[in-house]
Amino acid sequence: MKSEHSLVELRLSPIHGLGGFARDFIPSGTHVIEYVGERIDKRQSAEQCAQNNECIFHLDEQWDLNGNVEWNPARFLNHSCLPNGDAERIDGRIWIVARRDITAGEEITFNYGHSLEDYREHPCCCGAADCVGFVVAEEFFGLVRSQLRAIRE
């Protein structure tokens, strides 16, 4: 499967399923791809999350974005504990922005920013040298690592 997006090509990923890969060199700070979808209210968002839809982004106090739609190639971007992109809310839209230079052919990743709720049900397969082992927001890395150390001891 190939995307028609100018900066991103979809293909098999060593992380998980399909992934997005840089077609060419992408400089740091570039808006790589917009994460698009349907605007849904918080009630609909809660229902979607209860059905394990992991493609939901917070937009504001009233609306969220359901990116689990066929016309959103950004939904195939994978999580990494050492991502090269960030999901940023800019003027009410979600963009994946290069946090550093990305080389041609490199997989484009971002941290999904999941909470600690049920984190053990979401193992991470990013392959980063300092992978925390689970898909959680960077702010929780230290806590998850200390909990894992305590279990091993």
C-alpha atoms as a PDB file:
ATOM      1  CA  MET A   1       0.000   0.000   0.000  1.00  0.00           C
ATOM      2  CA  LYS A   2       1.401   3.399  -0.926  1.00  0.00           C
ATOM      3  CA  SER A   3       0.255   6.804   0.225  1.00  0.00           C
ATOM      4  CA  GLU A   4       0.043   9.723  -2.167  1.00  0.00           C
ATOM      5  CA  HIS A   5       1.405  12.044   0.504  1.00  0.00           C
ATOM      6  CA  SER A   6       4.406  14.036  -0.684  1.00  0.00           C
ATOM      7  CA  LEU A   7       6.680  13.421   2.345  1.00  0.00           C
ATOM      8  CA  VAL A   8       5.498  10.031   3.587  1.00  0.00           C
ATOM      9  CA  GLU A   9       5.377   6.593   1.976  1.00  0.00           C
ATOM     10  CA  LEU A  10       3.459   3.767   3.665  1.00  0.00           C
ATOM     11  CA  ARG A  11       5.094   0.338   3.729  1.00  0.00           C
ATOM     12  CA  LEU A  12       5.745  -2.600   6.031  1.00  0.00           C
ATOM     13  CA  SER A  13       7.364  -1.554   9.290  1.00  0.00           C
ATOM     14  CA  PRO A  14       9.768  -3.472  11.525  1.00  0.00           C
ATOM     15  CA  ILE A  15       7.937  -1.862  14.474  1.00  0.00           C
ATOM     16  CA  HIS A  16       4.367  -2.882  13.663  1.00  0.00           C
ATOM     17  CA  GLY A  17       2.229  -3.466  10.572  1.00  0.00           C
ATOM     18  CA  LEU A  18       2.394  -0.572   8.159  1.00  0.00           C
ATOM     19  CA  GLY A  19       4.482   2.463   8.950  1.00  0.00           C
ATOM     20  CA  GLY A  20       5.202   5.843   7.416  1.00  0.00           C
ATOM     21  CA  PHE A  21       8.658   6.376   5.918  1.00  0.00           C
ATOM     22  CA  ALA A  22      10.309   9.576   4.731  1.00  0.00           C
ATOM     23  CA  ARG A  23      10.369   9.793   0.934  1.00  0.00           C
ATOM     24  CA  ASP A  24      13.225  12.319   1.109  1.00  0.00           C
ATOM     25  CA  PHE A  25      15.251  14.194   3.716  1.00  0.00           C
ATOM     26  CA  ILE A  26      12.931  16.090   6.103  1.00  0.00           C
ATOM     27  CA  PRO A  27      14.462  18.978   8.093  1.00  0.00           C
ATOM     28  CA  SER A  28      13.726  19.446  11.788  1.00  0.00           C
ATOM     29  CA  GLY A  29      10.604  21.550  12.383  1.00  0.00           C
ATOM     30  CA  THR A  30       8.847  20.471   9.164  1.00  0.00           C
ATOM     31  CA  HIS A  31       5.122  19.775   9.324  1.00  0.00           C
ATOM     32  CA  VAL A  32       5.432  16.235   7.995  1.00  0.00           C
ATOM     33  CA  ILE A  33       1.821  15.093   7.778  1.00  0.00           C
ATOM     34  CA  GLU A  34      -1.512  16.223   9.152  1.00  0.00           C
ATOM     35  CA  TYR A  35      -3.362  13.749  11.346  1.00  0.00           C
ATOM     36  CA  VAL A  36      -6.886  14.039   9.966  1.00  0.00           C
ATOM     37  CA  GLY A  37     -10.212  12.476  10.863  1.00  0.00           C
ATOM     38  CA  GLU A  38     -13.711  13.123  12.108  1.00  0.00           C
ATOM     39  CA  ARG A  39     -14.442  15.697  14.801  1.00  0.00           C
ATOM     40  CA  ILE A  40     -16.354  13.915  17.535  1.00  0.00           C
ATOM     41  CA  ASP A  41     -17.713  15.089  20.870  1.00  0.00           C
ATOM     42  CA  LYS A  42     -16.379  13.809  24.187  1.00  0.00           C
ATOM     43  CA  ARG A  43     -19.219  11.261  24.573  1.00  0.00           C
ATOM     44  CA  GLN A  44     -18.450   9.746  21.166  1.00  0.00           C
ATOM     45  CA  SER A  45     -14.756   9.825  22.018  1.00  0.00           C
ATOM     46  CA  ALA A  46     -15.321   7.871  25.249  1.00  0.00           C
ATOM     47  CA  GLU A  47     -17.362   5.288  23.322  1.00  0.00           C
ATOM     48  CA  GLN A  48     -14.627   4.950  20.688  1.00  0.00           C
ATOM     49  CA  CYS A  49     -11.920   4.575  23.347  1.00  0.00           C
ATOM     50  CA  ALA A  50     -13.993   1.886  25.092  1.00  0.00           C
ATOM     51  CA  GLN A  51     -13.974   0.024  21.761  1.00  0.00           C
ATOM     52  CA  ASN A  52     -10.128   0.176  21.753  1.00  0.00           C
ATOM     53  CA  ASN A  53      -9.878   2.919  19.133  1.00  0.00           C
ATOM     54  CA  GLU A  54      -6.356   4.238  19.745  1.00  0.00           C
ATOM     55  CA  CYS A  55      -6.544   6.895  17.017  1.00  0.00           C
ATOM     56  CA  ILE A  56      -8.211   9.587  19.158  1.00  0.00           C
ATOM     57  CA  PHE A  57      -6.613  12.996  19.696  1.00  0.00           C
ATOM     58  CA  HIS A  58      -7.799  15.686  22.097  1.00  0.00           C
ATOM     59  CA  LEU A  59      -8.652  18.895  20.219  1.00  0.00           C
ATOM     60  CA  ASP A  60     -10.239  21.073  22.918  1.00  0.00           C
ATOM     61  CA  GLU A  61     -12.646  20.855  25.859  1.00  0.00           C
ATOM     62  CA  GLN A  62     -15.581  19.973  23.593  1.00  0.00           C
ATOM     63  CA  TRP A  63     -14.105  18.048  20.649  1.00  0.00           C
ATOM     64  CA  ASP A  64     -11.710  15.215  19.873  1.00  0.00           C
ATOM     65  CA  LEU A  65     -10.433  13.883  16.560  1.00  0.00           C
ATOM     66  CA  ASN A  66     -11.121  10.303  15.502  1.00  0.00           C
ATOM     67  CA  GLY A  67      -8.240   9.487  13.148  1.00  0.00           C
ATOM     68  CA  ASN A  68      -9.378   5.908  12.561  1.00  0.00           C
ATOM     69  CA  VAL A  69     -10.708   6.735   9.106  1.00  0.00           C
ATOM     70  CA  GLU A  70      -9.655   5.337   5.740  1.00  0.00           C
ATOM     71  CA  TRP A  71      -8.520   8.742   4.454  1.00  0.00           C
ATOM     72  CA  ASN A  72      -5.993   9.307   7.278  1.00  0.00           C
ATOM     73  CA  PRO A  73      -2.615   7.851   6.269  1.00  0.00           C
ATOM     74  CA  ALA A  74      -1.056   9.317   9.445  1.00  0.00           C
ATOM     75  CA  ARG A  75      -2.902   6.659  11.468  1.00  0.00           C
ATOM     76  CA  PHE A  76      -0.235   4.198  10.323  1.00  0.00           C
ATOM     77  CA  LEU A  77       2.628   6.111  11.957  1.00  0.00           C
ATOM     78  CA  ASN A  78       4.049   4.012  14.767  1.00  0.00           C
ATOM     79  CA  HIS A  79       4.916   4.814  18.366  1.00  0.00           C
ATOM     80  CA  SER A  80       8.532   5.051  19.464  1.00  0.00           C
ATOM     81  CA  CYS A  81      10.159   5.685  22.812  1.00  0.00           C
ATOM     82  CA  LEU A  82      12.769   7.695  20.882  1.00  0.00           C
ATOM     83  CA  PRO A  83      10.615   9.358  18.212  1.00  0.00           C
ATOM     84  CA  ASN A  84      11.747  11.616  15.395  1.00  0.00           C
ATOM     85  CA  GLY A  85       8.409  13.451  15.320  1.00  0.00           C
ATOM     86  CA  ASP A  86       5.935  15.041  17.699  1.00  0.00           C
ATOM     87  CA  ALA A  87       2.156  15.323  17.471  1.00  0.00           C
ATOM     88  CA  GLU A  88       1.360  19.013  17.859  1.00  0.00           C
ATOM     89  CA  ARG A  89      -1.979  20.813  17.987  1.00  0.00           C
ATOM     90  CA  ILE A  90      -1.609  23.841  15.713  1.00  0.00           C
ATOM     91  CA  ASP A  91      -4.592  26.116  15.014  1.00  0.00           C
ATOM     92  CA  GLY A  92      -7.061  23.382  15.925  1.00  0.00           C
ATOM     93  CA  ARG A  93      -5.371  20.771  13.725  1.00  0.00           C
ATOM     94  CA  ILE A  94      -3.013  17.908  14.594  1.00  0.00           C
ATOM     95  CA  TRP A  95       0.328  17.818  12.776  1.00  0.00           C
ATOM     96  CA  ILE A  96       3.215  15.409  13.040  1.00  0.00           C
ATOM     97  CA  VAL A  97       6.224  17.745  13.180  1.00  0.00           C
ATOM     98  CA  ALA A  98       9.822  16.599  12.746  1.00  0.00           C
ATOM     99  CA  ARG A  99      11.574  16.950  16.132  1.00  0.00           C
ATOM    100  CA  ARG A 100      14.920  16.426  14.407  1.00  0.00           C
ATOM    101  CA  ASP A 101      16.214  15.929  10.865  1.00  0.00           C
ATOM    102  CA  ILE A 102      14.778  12.736   9.348  1.00  0.00           C
ATOM    103  CA  THR A 103      16.758  10.910   6.677  1.00  0.00           C
ATOM    104  CA  ALA A 104      15.220   9.560   3.471  1.00  0.00           C
ATOM    105  CA  GLY A 105      13.861   6.057   4.083  1.00  0.00           C
ATOM    106  CA  GLU A 106      13.715   6.470   7.884  1.00  0.00           C
ATOM    107  CA  GLU A 107      10.497   5.464   9.610  1.00  0.00           C
ATOM    108  CA  ILE A 108       8.570   8.450  10.960  1.00  0.00           C
ATOM    109  CA  THR A 109       7.467   7.896  14.551  1.00  0.00           C
ATOM    110  CA  PHE A 110       6.001   9.800  17.458  1.00  0.00           C
ATOM    111  CA  ASN A 111       5.255   9.026  21.093  1.00  0.00           C
ATOM    112  CA  TYR A 112       1.557   8.181  21.391  1.00  0.00           C
ATOM    113  CA  GLY A 113       1.470   9.801  24.831  1.00  0.00           C
ATOM    114  CA  HIS A 114      -0.631   7.133  26.529  1.00  0.00           C
ATOM    115  CA  SER A 115      -1.422   7.351  30.227  1.00  0.00           C
ATOM    116  CA  LEU A 116      -0.493   4.728  32.794  1.00  0.00           C
ATOM    117  CA  GLU A 117      -3.974   3.208  32.733  1.00  0.00           C
ATOM    118  CA  ASP A 118      -3.618  -0.419  31.615  1.00  0.00           C
ATOM    119  CA  TYR A 119      -0.139   0.298  30.233  1.00  0.00           C
ATOM    120  CA  ARG A 120       0.915  -3.337  30.599  1.00  0.00           C
ATOM    121  CA  GLU A 121      -1.653  -4.224  27.927  1.00  0.00           C
ATOM    122  CA  HIS A 122       0.314  -2.112  25.420  1.00  0.00           C
ATOM    123  CA  PRO A 123       3.846  -3.493  25.002  1.00  0.00           C
ATOM    124  CA  CYS A 124       6.207  -1.405  22.893  1.00  0.00           C
ATOM    125  CA  CYS A 125       8.099  -2.908  19.956  1.00  0.00           C
ATOM    126  CA  CYS A 126       9.896   0.252  18.801  1.00  0.00           C
ATOM    127  CA  GLY A 127      13.379  -1.229  19.087  1.00  0.00           C
ATOM    128  CA  ALA A 128      14.923   1.980  20.479  1.00  0.00           C
ATOM    129  CA  ALA A 129      18.063   1.379  22.535  1.00  0.00           C
ATOM    130  CA  ASP A 130      16.356   2.911  25.591  1.00  0.00           C
ATOM    131  CA  CYS A 131      12.842   1.527  24.934  1.00  0.00           C
ATOM    132  CA  VAL A 132      10.749   1.595  28.105  1.00  0.00           C
ATOM    133  CA  GLY A 133       8.935  -1.585  27.015  1.00  0.00           C
ATOM    134  CA  PHE A 134       5.435  -0.133  26.993  1.00  0.00           C
ATOM    135  CA  VAL A 135       3.547   2.503  25.002  1.00  0.00           C
ATOM    136  CA  VAL A 136       3.368   5.367  27.503  1.00  0.00           C
ATOM    137  CA  ALA A 137       4.022   9.105  27.450  1.00  0.00           C
ATOM    138  CA  GLU A 138       7.632  10.126  28.045  1.00  0.00           C
ATOM    139  CA  GLU A 139       6.671  11.720  31.363  1.00  0.00           C
ATOM    140  CA  PHE A 140       5.940   8.199  32.701  1.00  0.00           C
ATOM    141  CA  PHE A 141       9.158   6.479  31.542  1.00  0.00           C
ATOM    142  CA  GLY A 142      10.898   6.801  34.930  1.00  0.00           C
ATOM    143  CA  LEU A 143       7.899   5.490  36.860  1.00  0.00           C
ATOM    144  CA  VAL A 144       7.397   2.513  34.532  1.00  0.00           C
ATOM    145  CA  ARG A 145      11.096   1.645  34.661  1.00  0.00           C
ATOM    146  CA  SER A 146      11.115   1.795  38.484  1.00  0.00           C
ATOM    147  CA  GLN A 147       8.014  -0.421  38.663  1.00  0.00           C
ATOM    148  CA  LEU A 148       9.640  -2.952  36.339  1.00  0.00           C
ATOM    149  CA  ARG A 149      12.856  -2.919  38.397  1.00  0.00           C
ATOM    150  CA  ALA A 150      10.839  -3.526  41.594  1.00  0.00           C
ATOM    151  CA  ILE A 151       9.106  -6.524  39.995  1.00  0.00           C
ATOM    152  CA  ARG A 152      12.451  -8.030  38.912  1.00  0.00           C
ATOM    153  CA  GLU A 153      14.048  -7.607  42.369  1.00  0.00           C
END
